[in-house]
């Protein structure tokens, strides 16, 4: 019986990025409404953070009223998000 060899970490990361980029063509864009919440930590310090409002999720719609899907490109110049940009900017 032949032993299965684990692929290199970069190969695994490449396929995860490829899968996530394909999902941008399938899953519609959406967002939560956010609100600032102020709380006191155990040390007595007061902190503020943005949290999503429960039940406020909504899909973004295009001009025709359809759910918006923003697929990313293979390569984007100028620091924008692209599939292959993780090779040049992420390492």
PDB file of N, CA and C in Angstrom:
ATOM      1  N   UNK A   1       0.845  -1.183   0.000  1.00  0.00           N
ATOM      2  CA  UNK A   1       0.000   0.000   0.000  1.00  0.00           C
ATOM      3  C   UNK A   1       0.886   1.241   0.000  1.00  0.00           C
ATOM      4  N   UNK A   2       0.589   2.172  -0.895  1.00  0.00           N
ATOM      5  CA  UNK A   2       1.380   3.382  -1.013  1.00  0.00           C
ATOM      6  C   UNK A   2       0.943   4.402   0.037  1.00  0.00           C
ATOM      7  N   UNK A   3       1.914   5.014   0.676  1.00  0.00           N
ATOM      8  CA  UNK A   3       1.640   6.007   1.711  1.00  0.00           C
ATOM      9  C   UNK A   3       1.299   7.345   1.049  1.00  0.00           C
ATOM     10  N   UNK A   4       0.243   8.001   1.514  1.00  0.00           N
ATOM     11  CA  UNK A   4      -0.166   9.298   0.983  1.00  0.00           C
ATOM     12  C   UNK A   4       0.726  10.379   1.577  1.00  0.00           C
ATOM     13  N   UNK A   5       1.294  11.197   0.683  1.00  0.00           N
ATOM     14  CA  UNK A   5       2.190  12.254   1.127  1.00  0.00           C
ATOM     15  C   UNK A   5       1.406  13.563   1.237  1.00  0.00           C
ATOM     16  N   UNK A   6       1.589  14.265   2.340  1.00  0.00           N
ATOM     17  CA  UNK A   6       0.913  15.543   2.562  1.00  0.00           C
ATOM     18  C   UNK A   6       1.495  16.595   1.618  1.00  0.00           C
ATOM     19  N   UNK A   7       0.636  17.356   0.913  1.00  0.00           N
ATOM     20  CA  UNK A   7       1.161  18.402   0.023  1.00  0.00           C
ATOM     21  C   UNK A   7       1.797  19.544   0.820  1.00  0.00           C
ATOM     22  N   UNK A   8       2.620  20.308   0.131  1.00  0.00           N
ATOM     23  CA  UNK A   8       3.294  21.449   0.734  1.00  0.00           C
ATOM     24  C   UNK A   8       2.255  22.467   1.219  1.00  0.00           C
ATOM     25  N   UNK A   9       2.603  23.225   2.236  1.00  0.00           N
ATOM     26  CA  UNK A   9       1.696  24.218   2.816  1.00  0.00           C
ATOM     27  C   UNK A   9       1.249  25.245   1.785  1.00  0.00           C
ATOM     28  N   UNK A  10       2.159  25.674   0.920  1.00  0.00           N
ATOM     29  CA  UNK A  10       1.818  26.668  -0.093  1.00  0.00           C
ATOM     30  C   UNK A  10       0.800  26.133  -1.103  1.00  0.00           C
ATOM     31  N   UNK A  11       0.846  24.842  -1.380  1.00  0.00           N
ATOM     32  CA  UNK A  11      -0.139  24.230  -2.283  1.00  0.00           C
ATOM     33  C   UNK A  11      -1.518  24.258  -1.628  1.00  0.00           C
ATOM     34  N   UNK A  12      -1.569  23.931  -0.352  1.00  0.00           N
ATOM     35  CA  UNK A  12      -2.843  23.961   0.373  1.00  0.00           C
ATOM     36  C   UNK A  12      -3.393  25.384   0.405  1.00  0.00           C
ATOM     37  N   UNK A  13      -2.550  26.359   0.727  1.00  0.00           N
ATOM     38  CA  UNK A  13      -2.985  27.758   0.776  1.00  0.00           C
ATOM     39  C   UNK A  13      -3.473  28.214  -0.597  1.00  0.00           C
ATOM     40  N   UNK A  14      -2.776  27.817  -1.666  1.00  0.00           N
ATOM     41  CA  UNK A  14      -3.182  28.188  -3.015  1.00  0.00           C
ATOM     42  C   UNK A  14      -4.595  27.705  -3.311  1.00  0.00           C
ATOM     43  N   UNK A  15      -4.896  26.448  -2.983  1.00  0.00           N
ATOM     44  CA  UNK A  15      -6.223  25.925  -3.274  1.00  0.00           C
ATOM     45  C   UNK A  15      -7.300  26.538  -2.377  1.00  0.00           C
ATOM     46  N   UNK A  16      -6.958  26.899  -1.151  1.00  0.00           N
ATOM     47  CA  UNK A  16      -7.913  27.600  -0.285  1.00  0.00           C
ATOM     48  C   UNK A  16      -8.235  28.971  -0.873  1.00  0.00           C
ATOM     49  N   UNK A  17      -7.202  29.695  -1.337  1.00  0.00           N
ATOM     50  CA  UNK A  17      -7.413  31.009  -1.947  1.00  0.00           C
ATOM     51  C   UNK A  17      -8.211  30.869  -3.232  1.00  0.00           C
ATOM     52  N   UNK A  18      -7.909  29.868  -4.049  1.00  0.00           N
ATOM     53  CA  UNK A  18      -8.639  29.633  -5.293  1.00  0.00           C
ATOM     54  C   UNK A  18     -10.115  29.330  -5.014  1.00  0.00           C
ATOM     55  N   UNK A  19     -10.378  28.497  -4.012  1.00  0.00           N
ATOM     56  CA  UNK A  19     -11.759  28.168  -3.647  1.00  0.00           C
ATOM     57  C   UNK A  19     -12.501  29.402  -3.138  1.00  0.00           C
ATOM     58  N   UNK A  20     -11.850  30.192  -2.293  1.00  0.00           N
ATOM     59  CA  UNK A  20     -12.478  31.404  -1.767  1.00  0.00           C
ATOM     60  C   UNK A  20     -12.756  32.399  -2.883  1.00  0.00           C
ATOM     61  N   UNK A  21     -11.849  32.497  -3.864  1.00  0.00           N
ATOM     62  CA  UNK A  21     -12.078  33.427  -4.975  1.00  0.00           C
ATOM     63  C   UNK A  21     -13.242  32.961  -5.850  1.00  0.00           C
ATOM     64  N   UNK A  22     -13.401  31.662  -6.019  1.00  0.00           N
ATOM     65  CA  UNK A  22     -14.551  31.156  -6.787  1.00  0.00           C
ATOM     66  C   UNK A  22     -15.861  31.442  -6.066  1.00  0.00           C
ATOM     67  N   UNK A  23     -15.848  31.414  -4.745  1.00  0.00           N
ATOM     68  CA  UNK A  23     -17.059  31.706  -3.982  1.00  0.00           C
ATOM     69  C   UNK A  23     -17.525  33.148  -4.161  1.00  0.00           C
ATOM     70  N   UNK A  24     -16.597  34.069  -4.513  1.00  0.00           N
ATOM     71  CA  UNK A  24     -17.003  35.460  -4.709  1.00  0.00           C
ATOM     72  C   UNK A  24     -17.913  35.618  -5.924  1.00  0.00           C
ATOM     73  N   UNK A  25     -17.937  34.636  -6.820  1.00  0.00           N
ATOM     74  CA  UNK A  25     -18.825  34.662  -7.971  1.00  0.00           C
ATOM     75  C   UNK A  25     -20.182  34.027  -7.652  1.00  0.00           C
ATOM     76  N   UNK A  26     -20.277  33.320  -6.518  1.00  0.00           N
ATOM     77  CA  UNK A  26     -21.496  32.588  -6.169  1.00  0.00           C
ATOM     78  C   UNK A  26     -22.247  33.246  -5.014  1.00  0.00           C
ATOM     79  N   UNK A  27     -21.515  33.627  -3.969  1.00  0.00           N
ATOM     80  CA  UNK A  27     -22.129  34.171  -2.750  1.00  0.00           C
ATOM     81  C   UNK A  27     -22.361  35.673  -2.925  1.00  0.00           C
ATOM     82  N   UNK A  28     -23.592  36.142  -2.726  1.00  0.00           N
ATOM     83  CA  UNK A  28     -23.863  37.579  -2.877  1.00  0.00           C
ATOM     84  C   UNK A  28     -23.242  38.412  -1.757  1.00  0.00           C
ATOM     85  N   UNK A  29     -23.029  39.687  -2.069  1.00  0.00           N
ATOM     86  CA  UNK A  29     -22.444  40.632  -1.123  1.00  0.00           C
ATOM     87  C   UNK A  29     -23.510  41.045  -0.110  1.00  0.00           C
ATOM     88  N   UNK A  30     -23.141  41.106   1.149  1.00  0.00           N
ATOM     89  CA  UNK A  30     -24.068  41.546   2.188  1.00  0.00           C
ATOM     90  C   UNK A  30     -23.318  42.250   3.296  1.00  0.00           C
ATOM     91  N   UNK A  31     -24.068  42.851   4.193  1.00  0.00           N
ATOM     92  CA  UNK A  31     -23.424  43.555   5.308  1.00  0.00           C
ATOM     93  C   UNK A  31     -24.378  43.669   6.483  1.00  0.00           C
ATOM     94  N   UNK A  32     -23.795  43.874   7.658  1.00  0.00           N
ATOM     95  CA  UNK A  32     -24.533  44.144   8.882  1.00  0.00           C
ATOM     96  C   UNK A  32     -24.474  45.635   9.165  1.00  0.00           C
ATOM     97  N   UNK A  33     -25.480  46.149   9.839  1.00  0.00           N
ATOM     98  CA  UNK A  33     -25.374  47.489  10.410  1.00  0.00           C
ATOM     99  C   UNK A  33     -24.485  47.352  11.642  1.00  0.00           C
ATOM    100  N   UNK A  34     -23.639  48.350  11.865  1.00  0.00           N
ATOM    101  CA  UNK A  34     -22.705  48.297  12.985  1.00  0.00           C
ATOM    102  C   UNK A  34     -23.053  49.388  14.005  1.00  0.00           C
ATOM    103  N   UNK A  35     -22.739  49.099  15.265  1.00  0.00           N
ATOM    104  CA  UNK A  35     -22.934  50.096  16.309  1.00  0.00           C
ATOM    105  C   UNK A  35     -21.737  50.052  17.257  1.00  0.00           C
ATOM    106  N   UNK A  36     -21.411  51.201  17.836  1.00  0.00           N
ATOM    107  CA  UNK A  36     -20.324  51.269  18.802  1.00  0.00           C
ATOM    108  C   UNK A  36     -20.839  50.881  20.178  1.00  0.00           C
ATOM    109  N   UNK A  37     -20.099  50.019  20.852  1.00  0.00           N
ATOM    110  CA  UNK A  37     -20.439  49.582  22.202  1.00  0.00           C
ATOM    111  C   UNK A  37     -19.270  49.930  23.106  1.00  0.00           C
ATOM    112  N   UNK A  38     -19.564  50.580  24.207  1.00  0.00           N
ATOM    113  CA  UNK A  38     -18.536  50.929  25.189  1.00  0.00           C
ATOM    114  C   UNK A  38     -18.688  49.996  26.384  1.00  0.00           C
ATOM    115  N   UNK A  39     -17.540  49.472  26.843  1.00  0.00           N
ATOM    116  CA  UNK A  39     -17.568  48.548  27.982  1.00  0.00           C
ATOM    117  C   UNK A  39     -16.345  48.794  28.853  1.00  0.00           C
ATOM    118  N   UNK A  40     -16.402  48.254  30.057  1.00  0.00           N
ATOM    119  CA  UNK A  40     -15.312  48.409  31.026  1.00  0.00           C
ATOM    120  C   UNK A  40     -14.648  47.049  31.193  1.00  0.00           C
ATOM    121  N   UNK A  41     -13.313  47.019  31.069  1.00  0.00           N
ATOM    122  CA  UNK A  41     -12.570  45.769  31.217  1.00  0.00           C
ATOM    123  C   UNK A  41     -12.365  45.427  32.691  1.00  0.00           C
ATOM    124  N   UNK A  42     -11.753  44.268  32.943  1.00  0.00           N
ATOM    125  CA  UNK A  42     -11.472  43.834  34.321  1.00  0.00           C
ATOM    126  C   UNK A  42     -10.528  44.785  35.040  1.00  0.00           C
ATOM    127  N   UNK A  43      -9.687  45.473  34.271  1.00  0.00           N
ATOM    128  CA  UNK A  43      -8.731  46.402  34.878  1.00  0.00           C
ATOM    129  C   UNK A  43      -9.342  47.778  35.116  1.00  0.00           C
ATOM    130  N   UNK A  44     -10.592  47.977  34.719  1.00  0.00           N
ATOM    131  CA  UNK A  44     -11.260  49.251  34.916  1.00  0.00           C
ATOM    132  C   UNK A  44     -11.141  50.206  33.745  1.00  0.00           C
ATOM    133  N   UNK A  45     -10.448  49.787  32.687  1.00  0.00           N
ATOM    134  CA  UNK A  45     -10.293  50.644  31.509  1.00  0.00           C
ATOM    135  C   UNK A  45     -11.569  50.610  30.665  1.00  0.00           C
ATOM    136  N   UNK A  46     -11.920  51.751  30.132  1.00  0.00           N
ATOM    137  CA  UNK A  46     -13.110  51.845  29.283  1.00  0.00           C
ATOM    138  C   UNK A  46     -12.684  51.713  27.825  1.00  0.00           C
ATOM    139  N   UNK A  47     -13.317  50.783  27.109  1.00  0.00           N
ATOM    140  CA  UNK A  47     -12.984  50.545  25.705  1.00  0.00           C
ATOM    141  C   UNK A  47     -14.249  50.614  24.860  1.00  0.00           C
ATOM    142  N   UNK A  48     -14.055  50.936  23.589  1.00  0.00           N
ATOM    143  CA  UNK A  48     -15.160  51.009  22.637  1.00  0.00           C
ATOM    144  C   UNK A  48     -14.824  50.133  21.436  1.00  0.00           C
ATOM    145  N   UNK A  49     -15.810  49.430  20.930  1.00  0.00           N
ATOM    146  CA  UNK A  49     -15.606  48.627  19.729  1.00  0.00           C
ATOM    147  C   UNK A  49     -16.883  48.589  18.911  1.00  0.00           C
ATOM    148  N   UNK A  50     -16.743  48.331  17.621  1.00  0.00           N
ATOM    149  CA  UNK A  50     -17.891  48.213  16.726  1.00  0.00           C
ATOM    150  C   UNK A  50     -18.351  46.763  16.696  1.00  0.00           C
ATOM    151  N   UNK A  51     -19.644  46.564  16.868  1.00  0.00           N
ATOM    152  CA  UNK A  51     -20.224  45.223  16.819  1.00  0.00           C
ATOM    153  C   UNK A  51     -21.417  45.235  15.876  1.00  0.00           C
ATOM    154  N   UNK A  52     -21.719  44.103  15.228  1.00  0.00           N
ATOM    155  CA  UNK A  52     -22.885  44.055  14.344  1.00  0.00           C
ATOM    156  C   UNK A  52     -24.187  44.055  15.145  1.00  0.00           C
ATOM    157  N   UNK A  53     -25.202  44.691  14.589  1.00  0.00           N
ATOM    158  CA  UNK A  53     -26.520  44.721  15.204  1.00  0.00           C
ATOM    159  C   UNK A  53     -27.225  43.404  14.850  1.00  0.00           C
ATOM    160  N   UNK A  54     -27.677  42.637  15.843  1.00  0.00           N
ATOM    161  CA  UNK A  54     -28.344  41.365  15.552  1.00  0.00           C
ATOM    162  C   UNK A  54     -29.569  41.561  14.658  1.00  0.00           C
ATOM    163  N   UNK A  55     -29.688  40.693  13.661  1.00  0.00           N
ATOM    164  CA  UNK A  55     -30.843  40.733  12.767  1.00  0.00           C
ATOM    165  C   UNK A  55     -30.798  41.819  11.717  1.00  0.00           C
ATOM    166  N   UNK A  56     -29.664  42.522  11.586  1.00  0.00           N
ATOM    167  CA  UNK A  56     -29.604  43.642  10.645  1.00  0.00           C
ATOM    168  C   UNK A  56     -28.936  43.281   9.317  1.00  0.00           C
ATOM    169  N   UNK A  57     -28.634  42.014   9.092  1.00  0.00           N
ATOM    170  CA  UNK A  57     -27.959  41.631   7.854  1.00  0.00           C
ATOM    171  C   UNK A  57     -28.864  41.868   6.652  1.00  0.00           C
ATOM    172  N   UNK A  58     -28.274  42.415   5.584  1.00  0.00           N
ATOM    173  CA  UNK A  58     -29.013  42.606   4.343  1.00  0.00           C
ATOM    174  C   UNK A  58     -28.067  42.443   3.165  1.00  0.00           C
ATOM    175  N   UNK A  59     -28.600  41.916   2.064  1.00  0.00           N
ATOM    176  CA  UNK A  59     -27.819  41.772   0.847  1.00  0.00           C
ATOM    177  C   UNK A  59     -27.794  43.100   0.111  1.00  0.00           C
ATOM    178  N   UNK A  60     -26.662  43.403  -0.531  1.00  0.00           N
ATOM    179  CA  UNK A  60     -26.591  44.589  -1.367  1.00  0.00           C
ATOM    180  C   UNK A  60     -27.236  44.254  -2.709  1.00  0.00           C
ATOM    181  N   UNK A  61     -27.957  45.211  -3.275  1.00  0.00           N
ATOM    182  CA  UNK A  61     -28.678  44.989  -4.522  1.00  0.00           C
ATOM    183  C   UNK A  61     -28.096  45.860  -5.624  1.00  0.00           C
ATOM    184  N   UNK A  62     -28.169  45.348  -6.870  1.00  0.00           N
ATOM    185  CA  UNK A  62     -27.718  46.153  -8.002  1.00  0.00           C
ATOM    186  C   UNK A  62     -28.866  47.037  -8.483  1.00  0.00           C
ATOM    187  N   UNK A  63     -28.684  47.712  -9.618  1.00  0.00           N
ATOM    188  CA  UNK A  63     -29.682  48.659 -10.130  1.00  0.00           C
ATOM    189  C   UNK A  63     -31.009  47.987 -10.494  1.00  0.00           C
ATOM    190  N   UNK A  64     -30.966  46.708 -10.852  1.00  0.00           N
ATOM    191  CA  UNK A  64     -32.197  45.983 -11.205  1.00  0.00           C
ATOM    192  C   UNK A  64     -32.866  45.332 -10.001  1.00  0.00           C
ATOM    193  N   UNK A  65     -32.283  45.460  -8.820  1.00  0.00           N
ATOM    194  CA  UNK A  65     -32.861  44.880  -7.610  1.00  0.00           C
ATOM    195  C   UNK A  65     -32.414  43.454  -7.341  1.00  0.00           C
ATOM    196  N   UNK A  66     -31.436  42.953  -8.100  1.00  0.00           N
ATOM    197  CA  UNK A  66     -30.903  41.606  -7.886  1.00  0.00           C
ATOM    198  C   UNK A  66     -29.772  41.656  -6.872  1.00  0.00           C
ATOM    199  N   UNK A  67     -29.556  40.523  -6.200  1.00  0.00           N
ATOM    200  CA  UNK A  67     -28.456  40.460  -5.245  1.00  0.00           C
ATOM    201  C   UNK A  67     -27.137  40.647  -5.980  1.00  0.00           C
ATOM    202  N   UNK A  68     -26.260  41.455  -5.406  1.00  0.00           N
ATOM    203  CA  UNK A  68     -24.998  41.820  -6.032  1.00  0.00           C
ATOM    204  C   UNK A  68     -23.935  40.760  -5.758  1.00  0.00           C
ATOM    205  N   UNK A  69     -23.248  40.331  -6.817  1.00  0.00           N
ATOM    206  CA  UNK A  69     -22.134  39.382  -6.702  1.00  0.00           C
ATOM    207  C   UNK A  69     -20.921  40.041  -7.323  1.00  0.00           C
ATOM    208  N   UNK A  70     -19.861  40.202  -6.538  1.00  0.00           N
ATOM    209  CA  UNK A  70     -18.639  40.863  -7.008  1.00  0.00           C
ATOM    210  C   UNK A  70     -17.512  39.847  -7.057  1.00  0.00           C
ATOM    211  N   UNK A  71     -17.350  39.202  -8.189  1.00  0.00           N
ATOM    212  CA  UNK A  71     -16.246  38.269  -8.341  1.00  0.00           C
ATOM    213  C   UNK A  71     -14.930  39.013  -8.455  1.00  0.00           C
ATOM    214  N   UNK A  72     -13.885  38.470  -7.828  1.00  0.00           N
ATOM    215  CA  UNK A  72     -12.586  39.132  -7.907  1.00  0.00           C
ATOM    216  C   UNK A  72     -11.845  38.657  -9.151  1.00  0.00           C
ATOM    217  N   UNK A  73     -10.948  39.492  -9.647  1.00  0.00           N
ATOM    218  CA  UNK A  73     -10.172  39.168 -10.840  1.00  0.00           C
ATOM    219  C   UNK A  73      -8.954  38.336 -10.471  1.00  0.00           C
ATOM    220  N   UNK A  74      -8.325  37.771 -11.489  1.00  0.00           N
ATOM    221  CA  UNK A  74      -7.126  36.962 -11.265  1.00  0.00           C
ATOM    222  C   UNK A  74      -5.984  37.835 -10.733  1.00  0.00           C
ATOM    223  N   UNK A  75      -5.750  38.978 -11.366  1.00  0.00           N
ATOM    224  CA  UNK A  75      -4.699  39.880 -10.920  1.00  0.00           C
ATOM    225  C   UNK A  75      -5.217  41.308 -10.957  1.00  0.00           C
ATOM    226  N   UNK A  76      -4.966  42.053  -9.916  1.00  0.00           N
ATOM    227  CA  UNK A  76      -5.384  43.452  -9.825  1.00  0.00           C
ATOM    228  C   UNK A  76      -4.173  44.316  -9.527  1.00  0.00           C
ATOM    229  N   UNK A  77      -3.866  45.270 -10.383  1.00  0.00           N
ATOM    230  CA  UNK A  77      -2.738  46.164 -10.098  1.00  0.00           C
ATOM    231  C   UNK A  77      -3.110  47.222  -9.058  1.00  0.00           C
ATOM    232  N   UNK A  78      -2.113  47.854  -8.504  1.00  0.00           N
ATOM    233  CA  UNK A  78      -2.351  48.981  -7.605  1.00  0.00           C
ATOM    234  C   UNK A  78      -2.787  48.607  -6.210  1.00  0.00           C
ATOM    235  N   UNK A  79      -2.489  47.387  -5.752  1.00  0.00           N
ATOM    236  CA  UNK A  79      -2.819  47.012  -4.386  1.00  0.00           C
ATOM    237  C   UNK A  79      -4.250  46.553  -4.169  1.00  0.00           C
ATOM    238  N   UNK A  80      -5.027  46.399  -5.222  1.00  0.00           N
ATOM    239  CA  UNK A  80      -6.393  45.908  -5.089  1.00  0.00           C
ATOM    240  C   UNK A  80      -6.366  44.392  -4.850  1.00  0.00           C
ATOM    241  N   UNK A  81      -7.531  43.805  -4.562  1.00  0.00           N
ATOM    242  CA  UNK A  81      -7.624  42.384  -4.257  1.00  0.00           C
ATOM    243  C   UNK A  81      -7.694  41.579  -5.551  1.00  0.00           C
ATOM    244  N   UNK A  82      -6.789  40.631  -5.707  1.00  0.00           N
ATOM    245  CA  UNK A  82      -6.770  39.712  -6.824  1.00  0.00           C
ATOM    246  C   UNK A  82      -6.330  38.345  -6.362  1.00  0.00           C
ATOM    247  N   UNK A  83      -6.660  37.298  -7.110  1.00  0.00           N
ATOM    248  CA  UNK A  83      -6.335  35.937  -6.694  1.00  0.00           C
ATOM    249  C   UNK A  83      -4.833  35.738  -6.556  1.00  0.00           C
ATOM    250  N   UNK A  84      -4.069  36.175  -7.559  1.00  0.00           N
ATOM    251  CA  UNK A  84      -2.643  35.950  -7.524  1.00  0.00           C
ATOM    252  C   UNK A  84      -1.876  36.990  -6.715  1.00  0.00           C
ATOM    253  N   UNK A  85      -2.530  38.006  -6.238  1.00  0.00           N
ATOM    254  CA  UNK A  85      -1.839  39.032  -5.465  1.00  0.00           C
ATOM    255  C   UNK A  85      -1.304  38.484  -4.139  1.00  0.00           C
ATOM    256  N   UNK A  86      -1.903  37.412  -3.624  1.00  0.00           N
ATOM    257  CA  UNK A  86      -1.404  36.889  -2.359  1.00  0.00           C
ATOM    258  C   UNK A  86       0.024  36.370  -2.514  1.00  0.00           C
ATOM    259  N   UNK A  87       0.411  35.951  -3.721  1.00  0.00           N
ATOM    260  CA  UNK A  87       1.770  35.476  -3.947  1.00  0.00           C
ATOM    261  C   UNK A  87       2.762  36.616  -3.789  1.00  0.00           C
ATOM    262  N   UNK A  88       2.418  37.764  -4.366  1.00  0.00           N
ATOM    263  CA  UNK A  88       3.347  38.881  -4.363  1.00  0.00           C
ATOM    264  C   UNK A  88       3.246  39.738  -3.109  1.00  0.00           C
ATOM    265  N   UNK A  89       2.069  39.876  -2.551  1.00  0.00           N
ATOM    266  CA  UNK A  89       1.865  40.758  -1.409  1.00  0.00           C
ATOM    267  C   UNK A  89       1.762  40.012  -0.083  1.00  0.00           C
ATOM    268  N   UNK A  90       1.419  38.745  -0.140  1.00  0.00           N
ATOM    269  CA  UNK A  90       1.187  37.998   1.098  1.00  0.00           C
ATOM    270  C   UNK A  90       2.393  37.263   1.631  1.00  0.00           C
ATOM    271  N   UNK A  91       3.452  37.170   0.835  1.00  0.00           N
ATOM    272  CA  UNK A  91       4.617  36.417   1.299  1.00  0.00           C
ATOM    273  C   UNK A  91       5.760  37.334   1.632  1.00  0.00           C
TER     274      UNK A  91
END
